[in-house]
Amino acid sequence: MADIYSAPKEVKLPKLDFSNMQKYAEESKQYIADLKQHIKDMGYKGKNVGEIVRFAVADGYAEYMVLSMRPMKLIHIPLDDAYEFPYAHLMTASEINKKLEGQKKLEQLFK
């Protein structure tokens, strides 16, 4: 079972600006990179730490960053619609590994 954490306040979220979506997209990428660096600076390391796992929700995705595989810890990523996956807390390390492998295969297929 996974522990779900809110994004740390130390990493500044980009402001959703509908008038400049290109800027928001760039700031979102930077936010993910900053969050990944922040958790590594906190001492988290190991397999899949800093990887983003996505779950289909409504017309988008709920996104979580892997904080730790054992014990399973995820950080909710509050970008875009900030959807949450209602069963994220039930995810195991094995299920997260499978989900990440599937995502990587899809990315390769649609490069």
PDB file of N, CA and C in Angstrom:
ATOM      1  N   MET A   1       0.836  -1.177   0.000  1.00  0.00           N
ATOM      2  CA  MET A   1       0.000   0.000   0.000  1.00  0.00           C
ATOM      3  C   MET A   1       0.888   1.251   0.000  1.00  0.00           C
ATOM      4  N   ALA A   2       0.469   2.243  -0.727  1.00  0.00           N
ATOM      5  CA  ALA A   2       1.270   3.451  -0.901  1.00  0.00           C
ATOM      6  C   ALA A   2       0.825   4.557   0.049  1.00  0.00           C
ATOM      7  N   ASP A   3       1.811   5.293   0.525  1.00  0.00           N
ATOM      8  CA  ASP A   3       1.538   6.540   1.234  1.00  0.00           C
ATOM      9  C   ASP A   3       1.557   7.639   0.186  1.00  0.00           C
ATOM     10  N   ILE A   4       0.571   8.517   0.219  1.00  0.00           N
ATOM     11  CA  ILE A   4       0.464   9.606  -0.754  1.00  0.00           C
ATOM     12  C   ILE A   4       0.757  10.919  -0.034  1.00  0.00           C
ATOM     13  N   TYR A   5       1.664  11.690  -0.609  1.00  0.00           N
ATOM     14  CA  TYR A   5       2.059  12.967  -0.033  1.00  0.00           C
ATOM     15  C   TYR A   5       1.693  14.104  -0.974  1.00  0.00           C
ATOM     16  N   SER A   6       1.449  15.267  -0.398  1.00  0.00           N
ATOM     17  CA  SER A   6       1.254  16.481  -1.189  1.00  0.00           C
ATOM     18  C   SER A   6       2.617  16.966  -1.655  1.00  0.00           C
ATOM     19  N   ALA A   7       2.620  17.728  -2.724  1.00  0.00           N
ATOM     20  CA  ALA A   7       3.870  18.302  -3.227  1.00  0.00           C
ATOM     21  C   ALA A   7       4.448  19.247  -2.184  1.00  0.00           C
ATOM     22  N   PRO A   8       5.767  19.219  -1.991  1.00  0.00           N
ATOM     23  CA  PRO A   8       6.380  20.098  -0.987  1.00  0.00           C
ATOM     24  C   PRO A   8       6.266  21.565  -1.375  1.00  0.00           C
ATOM     25  N   LYS A   9       6.053  22.390  -0.382  1.00  0.00           N
ATOM     26  CA  LYS A   9       5.909  23.840  -0.608  1.00  0.00           C
ATOM     27  C   LYS A   9       7.223  24.474  -1.055  1.00  0.00           C
ATOM     28  N   GLU A  10       8.356  23.810  -0.779  1.00  0.00           N
ATOM     29  CA  GLU A  10       9.665  24.366  -1.138  1.00  0.00           C
ATOM     30  C   GLU A  10       9.857  24.454  -2.658  1.00  0.00           C
ATOM     31  N   VAL A  11       9.117  23.650  -3.399  1.00  0.00           N
ATOM     32  CA  VAL A  11       9.215  23.663  -4.867  1.00  0.00           C
ATOM     33  C   VAL A  11       8.013  24.448  -5.382  1.00  0.00           C
ATOM     34  N   LYS A  12       8.289  25.567  -6.040  1.00  0.00           N
ATOM     35  CA  LYS A  12       7.240  26.504  -6.458  1.00  0.00           C
ATOM     36  C   LYS A  12       6.468  25.977  -7.667  1.00  0.00           C
ATOM     37  N   LEU A  13       5.151  25.890  -7.515  1.00  0.00           N
ATOM     38  CA  LEU A  13       4.272  25.474  -8.608  1.00  0.00           C
ATOM     39  C   LEU A  13       4.139  26.587  -9.638  1.00  0.00           C
ATOM     40  N   PRO A  14       4.077  26.235 -10.922  1.00  0.00           N
ATOM     41  CA  PRO A  14       3.828  27.269 -11.932  1.00  0.00           C
ATOM     42  C   PRO A  14       2.378  27.740 -11.860  1.00  0.00           C
ATOM     43  N   LYS A  15       2.167  28.979 -12.221  1.00  0.00           N
ATOM     44  CA  LYS A  15       0.813  29.529 -12.246  1.00  0.00           C
ATOM     45  C   LYS A  15       0.161  29.157 -13.571  1.00  0.00           C
ATOM     46  N   LEU A  16      -1.044  28.575 -13.486  1.00  0.00           N
ATOM     47  CA  LEU A  16      -1.777  28.197 -14.695  1.00  0.00           C
ATOM     48  C   LEU A  16      -2.259  29.464 -15.378  1.00  0.00           C
ATOM     49  N   ASP A  17      -1.692  29.743 -16.541  1.00  0.00           N
ATOM     50  CA  ASP A  17      -1.982  30.961 -17.287  1.00  0.00           C
ATOM     51  C   ASP A  17      -2.501  30.567 -18.664  1.00  0.00           C
ATOM     52  N   PHE A  18      -3.825  30.661 -18.864  1.00  0.00           N
ATOM     53  CA  PHE A  18      -4.423  30.245 -20.127  1.00  0.00           C
ATOM     54  C   PHE A  18      -4.023  31.148 -21.289  1.00  0.00           C
ATOM     55  N   SER A  19      -3.540  32.348 -20.996  1.00  0.00           N
ATOM     56  CA  SER A  19      -3.143  33.255 -22.074  1.00  0.00           C
ATOM     57  C   SER A  19      -1.767  32.906 -22.635  1.00  0.00           C
ATOM     58  N   ASN A  20      -0.992  32.098 -21.908  1.00  0.00           N
ATOM     59  CA  ASN A  20       0.339  31.719 -22.382  1.00  0.00           C
ATOM     60  C   ASN A  20       0.629  30.269 -21.986  1.00  0.00           C
ATOM     61  N   MET A  21       0.004  29.349 -22.720  1.00  0.00           N
ATOM     62  CA  MET A  21       0.136  27.927 -22.395  1.00  0.00           C
ATOM     63  C   MET A  21       1.545  27.401 -22.678  1.00  0.00           C
ATOM     64  N   GLN A  22       2.242  27.995 -23.627  1.00  0.00           N
ATOM     65  CA  GLN A  22       3.620  27.571 -23.906  1.00  0.00           C
ATOM     66  C   GLN A  22       4.509  27.821 -22.690  1.00  0.00           C
ATOM     67  N   LYS A  23       4.356  28.988 -22.093  1.00  0.00           N
ATOM     68  CA  LYS A  23       5.128  29.327 -20.897  1.00  0.00           C
ATOM     69  C   LYS A  23       4.774  28.374 -19.758  1.00  0.00           C
ATOM     70  N   TYR A  24       3.477  28.079 -19.588  1.00  0.00           N
ATOM     71  CA  TYR A  24       3.041  27.158 -18.542  1.00  0.00           C
ATOM     72  C   TYR A  24       3.639  25.767 -18.754  1.00  0.00           C
ATOM     73  N   ALA A  25       3.668  25.304 -19.998  1.00  0.00           N
ATOM     74  CA  ALA A  25       4.233  23.990 -20.299  1.00  0.00           C
ATOM     75  C   ALA A  25       5.719  23.937 -19.942  1.00  0.00           C
ATOM     76  N   GLU A  26       6.449  24.987 -20.271  1.00  0.00           N
ATOM     77  CA  GLU A  26       7.881  25.053 -19.933  1.00  0.00           C
ATOM     78  C   GLU A  26       8.084  25.101 -18.420  1.00  0.00           C
ATOM     79  N   GLU A  27       7.271  25.899 -17.736  1.00  0.00           N
ATOM     80  CA  GLU A  27       7.379  25.996 -16.277  1.00  0.00           C
ATOM     81  C   GLU A  27       7.001  24.673 -15.606  1.00  0.00           C
ATOM     82  N   SER A  28       6.056  23.946 -16.193  1.00  0.00           N
ATOM     83  CA  SER A  28       5.662  22.639 -15.657  1.00  0.00           C
ATOM     84  C   SER A  28       6.804  21.641 -15.765  1.00  0.00           C
ATOM     85  N   LYS A  29       7.498  21.645 -16.897  1.00  0.00           N
ATOM     86  CA  LYS A  29       8.664  20.766 -17.060  1.00  0.00           C
ATOM     87  C   LYS A  29       9.739  21.110 -16.036  1.00  0.00           C
ATOM     88  N   GLN A  30       9.947  22.405 -15.821  1.00  0.00           N
ATOM     89  CA  GLN A  30      10.934  22.838 -14.842  1.00  0.00           C
ATOM     90  C   GLN A  30      10.509  22.439 -13.434  1.00  0.00           C
ATOM     91  N   TYR A  31       9.225  22.538 -13.146  1.00  0.00           N
ATOM     92  CA  TYR A  31       8.705  22.141 -11.838  1.00  0.00           C
ATOM     93  C   TYR A  31       9.004  20.667 -11.565  1.00  0.00           C
ATOM     94  N   ILE A  32       8.764  19.811 -12.554  1.00  0.00           N
ATOM     95  CA  ILE A  32       9.030  18.374 -12.405  1.00  0.00           C
ATOM     96  C   ILE A  32      10.520  18.151 -12.144  1.00  0.00           C
ATOM     97  N   ALA A  33      11.374  18.829 -12.904  1.00  0.00           N
ATOM     98  CA  ALA A  33      12.830  18.690 -12.717  1.00  0.00           C
ATOM     99  C   ALA A  33      13.241  19.182 -11.319  1.00  0.00           C
ATOM    100  N   ASP A  34      12.681  20.309 -10.877  1.00  0.00           N
ATOM    101  CA  ASP A  34      12.997  20.853  -9.551  1.00  0.00           C
ATOM    102  C   ASP A  34      12.519  19.920  -8.438  1.00  0.00           C
ATOM    103  N   LEU A  35      11.324  19.342  -8.609  1.00  0.00           N
ATOM    104  CA  LEU A  35      10.790  18.425  -7.610  1.00  0.00           C
ATOM    105  C   LEU A  35      11.661  17.170  -7.519  1.00  0.00           C
ATOM    106  N   LYS A  36      12.068  16.663  -8.669  1.00  0.00           N
ATOM    107  CA  LYS A  36      12.939  15.485  -8.691  1.00  0.00           C
ATOM    108  C   LYS A  36      14.254  15.778  -7.978  1.00  0.00           C
ATOM    109  N   GLN A  37      14.829  16.943  -8.237  1.00  0.00           N
ATOM    110  CA  GLN A  37      16.078  17.327  -7.580  1.00  0.00           C
ATOM    111  C   GLN A  37      15.867  17.505  -6.076  1.00  0.00           C
ATOM    112  N   HIS A  38      14.742  18.088  -5.698  1.00  0.00           N
ATOM    113  CA  HIS A  38      14.436  18.314  -4.288  1.00  0.00           C
ATOM    114  C   HIS A  38      14.386  16.992  -3.515  1.00  0.00           C
ATOM    115  N   ILE A  39      13.717  15.998  -4.067  1.00  0.00           N
ATOM    116  CA  ILE A  39      13.619  14.731  -3.328  1.00  0.00           C
ATOM    117  C   ILE A  39      14.969  14.015  -3.284  1.00  0.00           C
ATOM    118  N   LYS A  40      15.777  14.182  -4.315  1.00  0.00           N
ATOM    119  CA  LYS A  40      17.118  13.588  -4.283  1.00  0.00           C
ATOM    120  C   LYS A  40      17.994  14.304  -3.258  1.00  0.00           C
ATOM    121  N   ASP A  41      17.845  15.633  -3.149  1.00  0.00           N
ATOM    122  CA  ASP A  41      18.576  16.400  -2.143  1.00  0.00           C
ATOM    123  C   ASP A  41      18.157  15.996  -0.725  1.00  0.00           C
ATOM    124  N   MET A  42      16.922  15.538  -0.571  1.00  0.00           N
ATOM    125  CA  MET A  42      16.425  15.084   0.725  1.00  0.00           C
ATOM    126  C   MET A  42      16.962  13.690   1.074  1.00  0.00           C
ATOM    127  N   GLY A  43      17.645  13.052   0.122  1.00  0.00           N
ATOM    128  CA  GLY A  43      18.250  11.757   0.407  1.00  0.00           C
ATOM    129  C   GLY A  43      17.522  10.559  -0.172  1.00  0.00           C
ATOM    130  N   TYR A  44      16.453  10.800  -0.894  1.00  0.00           N
ATOM    131  CA  TYR A  44      15.744   9.687  -1.512  1.00  0.00           C
ATOM    132  C   TYR A  44      16.490   9.252  -2.763  1.00  0.00           C
ATOM    133  N   LYS A  45      16.720   7.956  -2.874  1.00  0.00           N
ATOM    134  CA  LYS A  45      17.389   7.422  -4.048  1.00  0.00           C
ATOM    135  C   LYS A  45      16.968   5.975  -4.215  1.00  0.00           C
ATOM    136  N   GLY A  46      17.286   5.432  -5.344  1.00  0.00           N
ATOM    137  CA  GLY A  46      16.928   4.045  -5.598  1.00  0.00           C
ATOM    138  C   GLY A  46      16.119   3.929  -6.874  1.00  0.00           C
ATOM    139  N   LYS A  47      15.704   2.723  -7.140  1.00  0.00           N
ATOM    140  CA  LYS A  47      14.971   2.423  -8.366  1.00  0.00           C
ATOM    141  C   LYS A  47      13.692   3.254  -8.469  1.00  0.00           C
ATOM    142  N   ASN A  48      13.525   3.889  -9.597  1.00  0.00           N
ATOM    143  CA  ASN A  48      12.329   4.648  -9.971  1.00  0.00           C
ATOM    144  C   ASN A  48      12.085   5.924  -9.170  1.00  0.00           C
ATOM    145  N   VAL A  49      12.951   6.282  -8.235  1.00  0.00           N
ATOM    146  CA  VAL A  49      12.754   7.523  -7.486  1.00  0.00           C
ATOM    147  C   VAL A  49      12.833   8.695  -8.466  1.00  0.00           C
ATOM    148  N   GLY A  50      11.802   9.535  -8.438  1.00  0.00           N
ATOM    149  CA  GLY A  50      11.731  10.684  -9.331  1.00  0.00           C
ATOM    150  C   GLY A  50      10.972  10.411 -10.619  1.00  0.00           C
ATOM    151  N   GLU A  51      10.581   9.159 -10.847  1.00  0.00           N
ATOM    152  CA  GLU A  51       9.801   8.822 -12.047  1.00  0.00           C
ATOM    153  C   GLU A  51       8.351   9.258 -11.850  1.00  0.00           C
ATOM    154  N   ILE A  52       7.700   9.603 -12.956  1.00  0.00           N
ATOM    155  CA  ILE A  52       6.297  10.012 -12.930  1.00  0.00           C
ATOM    156  C   ILE A  52       5.435   8.843 -13.372  1.00  0.00           C
ATOM    157  N   VAL A  53       4.439   8.522 -12.556  1.00  0.00           N
ATOM    158  CA  VAL A  53       3.472   7.480 -12.911  1.00  0.00           C
ATOM    159  C   VAL A  53       2.129   8.172 -13.146  1.00  0.00           C
ATOM    160  N   ARG A  54       1.458   7.781 -14.243  1.00  0.00           N
ATOM    161  CA  ARG A  54       0.206   8.429 -14.645  1.00  0.00           C
ATOM    162  C   ARG A  54      -0.942   7.426 -14.648  1.00  0.00           C
ATOM    163  N   PHE A  55      -2.093   7.904 -14.181  1.00  0.00           N
ATOM    164  CA  PHE A  55      -3.311   7.099 -14.188  1.00  0.00           C
ATOM    165  C   PHE A  55      -4.382   7.893 -14.935  1.00  0.00           C
ATOM    166  N   ALA A  56      -5.059   7.251 -15.884  1.00  0.00           N
ATOM    167  CA  ALA A  56      -6.111   7.925 -16.630  1.00  0.00           C
ATOM    168  C   ALA A  56      -7.269   8.264 -15.697  1.00  0.00           C
ATOM    169  N   VAL A  57      -7.680   9.538 -15.732  1.00  0.00           N
ATOM    170  CA  VAL A  57      -8.802  10.022 -14.930  1.00  0.00           C
ATOM    171  C   VAL A  57      -9.559  11.028 -15.784  1.00  0.00           C
ATOM    172  N   ALA A  58     -10.852  10.832 -15.914  1.00  0.00           N
ATOM    173  CA  ALA A  58     -11.710  11.739 -16.685  1.00  0.00           C
ATOM    174  C   ALA A  58     -11.104  11.990 -18.071  1.00  0.00           C
ATOM    175  N   ASP A  59     -10.820  13.252 -18.382  1.00  0.00           N
ATOM    176  CA  ASP A  59     -10.270  13.580 -19.701  1.00  0.00           C
ATOM    177  C   ASP A  59      -8.772  13.849 -19.641  1.00  0.00           C
ATOM    178  N   GLY A  60      -8.116  13.367 -18.599  1.00  0.00           N
ATOM    179  CA  GLY A  60      -6.682  13.628 -18.436  1.00  0.00           C
ATOM    180  C   GLY A  60      -6.015  12.548 -17.620  1.00  0.00           C
ATOM    181  N   TYR A  61      -5.064  12.976 -16.812  1.00  0.00           N
ATOM    182  CA  TYR A  61      -4.294  12.043 -15.999  1.00  0.00           C
ATOM    183  C   TYR A  61      -4.097  12.571 -14.586  1.00  0.00           C
ATOM    184  N   ALA A  62      -4.048  11.631 -13.657  1.00  0.00           N
ATOM    185  CA  ALA A  62      -3.559  11.923 -12.312  1.00  0.00           C
ATOM    186  C   ALA A  62      -2.092  11.541 -12.342  1.00  0.00           C
ATOM    187  N   GLU A  63      -1.232  12.437 -11.893  1.00  0.00           N
ATOM    188  CA  GLU A  63       0.203  12.178 -11.945  1.00  0.00           C
ATOM    189  C   GLU A  63       0.795  12.163 -10.540  1.00  0.00           C
ATOM    190  N   TYR A  64       1.707  11.209 -10.359  1.00  0.00           N
ATOM    191  CA  TYR A  64       2.397  11.056  -9.082  1.00  0.00           C
ATOM    192  C   TYR A  64       3.874  10.829  -9.357  1.00  0.00           C
ATOM    193  N   MET A  65       4.723  11.367  -8.492  1.00  0.00           N
ATOM    194  CA  MET A  65       6.155  11.115  -8.583  1.00  0.00           C
ATOM    195  C   MET A  65       6.508  10.083  -7.523  1.00  0.00           C
ATOM    196  N   VAL A  66       7.334   9.114  -7.921  1.00  0.00           N
ATOM    197  CA  VAL A  66       7.770   8.087  -6.977  1.00  0.00           C
ATOM    198  C   VAL A  66       8.779   8.708  -6.012  1.00  0.00           C
ATOM    199  N   LEU A  67       8.470   8.627  -4.733  1.00  0.00           N
ATOM    200  CA  LEU A  67       9.369   9.105  -3.686  1.00  0.00           C
ATOM    201  C   LEU A  67      10.201   7.939  -3.149  1.00  0.00           C
ATOM    202  N   SER A  68       9.568   6.790  -3.020  1.00  0.00           N
ATOM    203  CA  SER A  68      10.242   5.607  -2.507  1.00  0.00           C
ATOM    204  C   SER A  68       9.475   4.377  -2.976  1.00  0.00           C
ATOM    205  N   MET A  69      10.211   3.309  -3.290  1.00  0.00           N
ATOM    206  CA  MET A  69       9.556   2.065  -3.693  1.00  0.00           C
ATOM    207  C   MET A  69       9.287   1.161  -2.485  1.00  0.00           C
ATOM    208  N   ARG A  70      10.178   1.194  -1.518  1.00  0.00           N
ATOM    209  CA  ARG A  70      10.009   0.372  -0.315  1.00  0.00           C
ATOM    210  C   ARG A  70      10.378   1.201   0.900  1.00  0.00           C
ATOM    211  N   PRO A  71       9.412   1.643   1.684  1.00  0.00           N
ATOM    212  CA  PRO A  71       7.985   1.486   1.498  1.00  0.00           C
ATOM    213  C   PRO A  71       7.496   2.363   0.344  1.00  0.00           C
ATOM    214  N   MET A  72       6.373   1.996  -0.249  1.00  0.00           N
ATOM    215  CA  MET A  72       5.833   2.699  -1.409  1.00  0.00           C
ATOM    216  C   MET A  72       5.331   4.071  -0.981  1.00  0.00           C
ATOM    217  N   LYS A  73       5.939   5.118  -1.563  1.00  0.00           N
ATOM    218  CA  LYS A  73       5.550   6.506  -1.277  1.00  0.00           C
ATOM    219  C   LYS A  73       5.452   7.255  -2.589  1.00  0.00           C
ATOM    220  N   LEU A  74       4.360   7.972  -2.765  1.00  0.00           N
ATOM    221  CA  LEU A  74       4.121   8.756  -3.977  1.00  0.00           C
ATOM    222  C   LEU A  74       3.809  10.199  -3.600  1.00  0.00           C
ATOM    223  N   ILE A  75       4.229  11.123  -4.458  1.00  0.00           N
ATOM    224  CA  ILE A  75       3.893  12.544  -4.291  1.00  0.00           C
ATOM    225  C   ILE A  75       2.903  12.914  -5.383  1.00  0.00           C
ATOM    226  N   HIS A  76       1.768  13.451  -4.983  1.00  0.00           N
ATOM    227  CA  HIS A  76       0.785  13.906  -5.962  1.00  0.00           C
ATOM    228  C   HIS A  76       1.313  15.146  -6.681  1.00  0.00           C
ATOM    229  N   ILE A  77       1.230  15.155  -8.003  1.00  0.00           N
ATOM    230  CA  ILE A  77       1.688  16.281  -8.818  1.00  0.00           C
ATOM    231  C   ILE A  77       0.461  17.142  -9.170  1.00  0.00           C
ATOM    232  N   PRO A  78       0.331  18.333  -8.588  1.00  0.00           N
ATOM    233  CA  PRO A  78      -0.859  19.152  -8.801  1.00  0.00           C
ATOM    234  C   PRO A  78      -0.763  20.073 -10.030  1.00  0.00           C
ATOM    235  N   LEU A  79      -0.442  19.515 -11.184  1.00  0.00           N
ATOM    236  CA  LEU A  79      -0.359  20.312 -12.413  1.00  0.00           C
ATOM    237  C   LEU A  79      -1.614  20.111 -13.254  1.00  0.00           C
ATOM    238  N   ASP A  80      -1.820  21.008 -14.182  1.00  0.00           N
ATOM    239  CA  ASP A  80      -2.953  20.962 -15.107  1.00  0.00           C
ATOM    240  C   ASP A  80      -4.262  20.881 -14.317  1.00  0.00           C
ATOM    241  N   ASP A  81      -5.040  19.808 -14.497  1.00  0.00           N
ATOM    242  CA  ASP A  81      -6.304  19.678 -13.770  1.00  0.00           C
ATOM    243  C   ASP A  81      -6.118  19.154 -12.351  1.00  0.00           C
ATOM    244  N   ALA A  82      -4.915  18.720 -12.012  1.00  0.00           N
ATOM    245  CA  ALA A  82      -4.564  18.209 -10.675  1.00  0.00           C
ATOM    246  C   ALA A  82      -5.454  17.043 -10.256  1.00  0.00           C
ATOM    247  N   TYR A  83      -5.807  16.197 -11.230  1.00  0.00           N
ATOM    248  CA  TYR A  83      -6.616  15.031 -10.901  1.00  0.00           C
ATOM    249  C   TYR A  83      -5.899  14.145  -9.895  1.00  0.00           C
ATOM    250  N   GLU A  84      -6.693  13.458  -9.083  1.00  0.00           N
ATOM    251  CA  GLU A  84      -6.166  12.463  -8.164  1.00  0.00           C
ATOM    252  C   GLU A  84      -6.766  11.115  -8.532  1.00  0.00           C
ATOM    253  N   PHE A  85      -5.965  10.064  -8.433  1.00  0.00           N
ATOM    254  CA  PHE A  85      -6.426   8.712  -8.699  1.00  0.00           C
ATOM    255  C   PHE A  85      -6.968   8.140  -7.395  1.00  0.00           C
ATOM    256  N   PRO A  86      -8.256   7.755  -7.352  1.00  0.00           N
ATOM    257  CA  PRO A  86      -8.851   7.348  -6.075  1.00  0.00           C
ATOM    258  C   PRO A  86      -8.241   6.093  -5.457  1.00  0.00           C
ATOM    259  N   TYR A  87      -7.501   5.315  -6.247  1.00  0.00           N
ATOM    260  CA  TYR A  87      -6.928   4.079  -5.723  1.00  0.00           C
ATOM    261  C   TYR A  87      -5.407   4.136  -5.614  1.00  0.00           C
ATOM    262  N   ALA A  88      -4.844   5.320  -5.695  1.00  0.00           N
ATOM    263  CA  ALA A  88      -3.383   5.463  -5.628  1.00  0.00           C
ATOM    264  C   ALA A  88      -2.832   4.882  -4.335  1.00  0.00           C
ATOM    265  N   HIS A  89      -3.560   5.050  -3.264  1.00  0.00           N
ATOM    266  CA  HIS A  89      -3.090   4.547  -1.963  1.00  0.00           C
ATOM    267  C   HIS A  89      -3.046   3.016  -1.907  1.00  0.00           C
ATOM    268  N   LEU A  90      -3.684   2.355  -2.854  1.00  0.00           N
ATOM    269  CA  LEU A  90      -3.692   0.890  -2.885  1.00  0.00           C
ATOM    270  C   LEU A  90      -2.570   0.307  -3.747  1.00  0.00           C
ATOM    271  N   MET A  91      -1.811   1.167  -4.421  1.00  0.00           N
ATOM    272  CA  MET A  91      -0.753   0.694  -5.311  1.00  0.00           C
ATOM    273  C   MET A  91       0.397   0.063  -4.522  1.00  0.00           C
ATOM    274  N   THR A  92       0.921  -1.022  -5.085  1.00  0.00           N
ATOM    275  CA  THR A  92       2.088  -1.680  -4.501  1.00  0.00           C
ATOM    276  C   THR A  92       3.293  -1.389  -5.389  1.00  0.00           C
ATOM    277  N   ALA A  93       4.472  -1.710  -4.888  1.00  0.00           N
ATOM    278  CA  ALA A  93       5.694  -1.505  -5.674  1.00  0.00           C
ATOM    279  C   ALA A  93       5.629  -2.294  -6.977  1.00  0.00           C
ATOM    280  N   SER A  94       5.120  -3.502  -6.920  1.00  0.00           N
ATOM    281  CA  SER A  94       5.002  -4.339  -8.116  1.00  0.00           C
ATOM    282  C   SER A  94       4.089  -3.687  -9.163  1.00  0.00           C
ATOM    283  N   GLU A  95       2.959  -3.170  -8.726  1.00  0.00           N
ATOM    284  CA  GLU A  95       2.028  -2.521  -9.651  1.00  0.00           C
ATOM    285  C   GLU A  95       2.622  -1.247 -10.241  1.00  0.00           C
ATOM    286  N   ILE A  96       3.333  -0.481  -9.440  1.00  0.00           N
ATOM    287  CA  ILE A  96       3.978   0.743  -9.930  1.00  0.00           C
ATOM    288  C   ILE A  96       5.049   0.388 -10.951  1.00  0.00           C
ATOM    289  N   ASN A  97       5.839  -0.653 -10.685  1.00  0.00           N
ATOM    290  CA  ASN A  97       6.850  -1.097 -11.657  1.00  0.00           C
ATOM    291  C   ASN A  97       6.206  -1.457 -12.990  1.00  0.00           C
ATOM    292  N   LYS A  98       5.123  -2.206 -12.950  1.00  0.00           N
ATOM    293  CA  LYS A  98       4.416  -2.595 -14.181  1.00  0.00           C
ATOM    294  C   LYS A  98       3.879  -1.368 -14.912  1.00  0.00           C
ATOM    295  N   LYS A  99       3.315  -0.447 -14.171  1.00  0.00           N
ATOM    296  CA  LYS A  99       2.762   0.778 -14.763  1.00  0.00           C
ATOM    297  C   LYS A  99       3.864   1.594 -15.441  1.00  0.00           C
ATOM    298  N   LEU A 100       5.004   1.745 -14.775  1.00  0.00           N
ATOM    299  CA  LEU A 100       6.120   2.506 -15.349  1.00  0.00           C
ATOM    300  C   LEU A 100       6.681   1.820 -16.588  1.00  0.00           C
ATOM    301  N   GLU A 101       6.797   0.496 -16.563  1.00  0.00           N
ATOM    302  CA  GLU A 101       7.271  -0.247 -17.737  1.00  0.00           C
ATOM    303  C   GLU A 101       6.330  -0.049 -18.914  1.00  0.00           C
ATOM    304  N   GLY A 102       5.022  -0.105 -18.655  1.00  0.00           N
ATOM    305  CA  GLY A 102       4.038   0.115 -19.710  1.00  0.00           C
ATOM    306  C   GLY A 102       4.115   1.519 -20.287  1.00  0.00           C
ATOM    307  N   GLN A 103       4.294   2.502 -19.429  1.00  0.00           N
ATOM    308  CA  GLN A 103       4.421   3.885 -19.892  1.00  0.00           C
ATOM    309  C   GLN A 103       5.641   4.046 -20.787  1.00  0.00           C
ATOM    310  N   LYS A 104       6.765   3.440 -20.392  1.00  0.00           N
ATOM    311  CA  LYS A 104       7.992   3.549 -21.181  1.00  0.00           C
ATOM    312  C   LYS A 104       7.828   2.889 -22.535  1.00  0.00           C
ATOM    313  N   LYS A 105       7.145   1.756 -22.586  1.00  0.00           N
ATOM    314  CA  LYS A 105       6.903   1.078 -23.867  1.00  0.00           C
ATOM    315  C   LYS A 105       6.031   1.925 -24.783  1.00  0.00           C
ATOM    316  N   LEU A 106       5.012   2.562 -24.227  1.00  0.00           N
ATOM    317  CA  LEU A 106       4.152   3.443 -25.025  1.00  0.00           C
ATOM    318  C   LEU A 106       4.915   4.648 -25.543  1.00  0.00           C
ATOM    319  N   GLU A 107       5.782   5.219 -24.710  1.00  0.00           N
ATOM    320  CA  GLU A 107       6.593   6.364 -25.137  1.00  0.00           C
ATOM    321  C   GLU A 107       7.499   5.967 -26.293  1.00  0.00           C
ATOM    322  N   GLN A 108       8.090   4.790 -26.224  1.00  0.00           N
ATOM    323  CA  GLN A 108       8.955   4.297 -27.302  1.00  0.00           C
ATOM    324  C   GLN A 108       8.146   4.103 -28.575  1.00  0.00           C
ATOM    325  N   LEU A 109       6.949   3.552 -28.429  1.00  0.00           N
ATOM    326  CA  LEU A 109       6.102   3.269 -29.586  1.00  0.00           C
ATOM    327  C   LEU A 109       5.668   4.536 -30.310  1.00  0.00           C
ATOM    328  N   PHE A 110       5.410   5.579 -29.548  1.00  0.00           N
ATOM    329  CA  PHE A 110       4.875   6.815 -30.136  1.00  0.00           C
ATOM    330  C   PHE A 110       5.889   7.953 -30.167  1.00  0.00           C
ATOM    331  N   LYS A 111       7.178   7.647 -30.233  1.00  0.00           N
ATOM    332  CA  LYS A 111       8.204   8.694 -30.314  1.00  0.00           C
ATOM    333  C   LYS A 111       8.113   9.460 -31.589  1.00  0.00           C
TER     334      LYS A 111
END
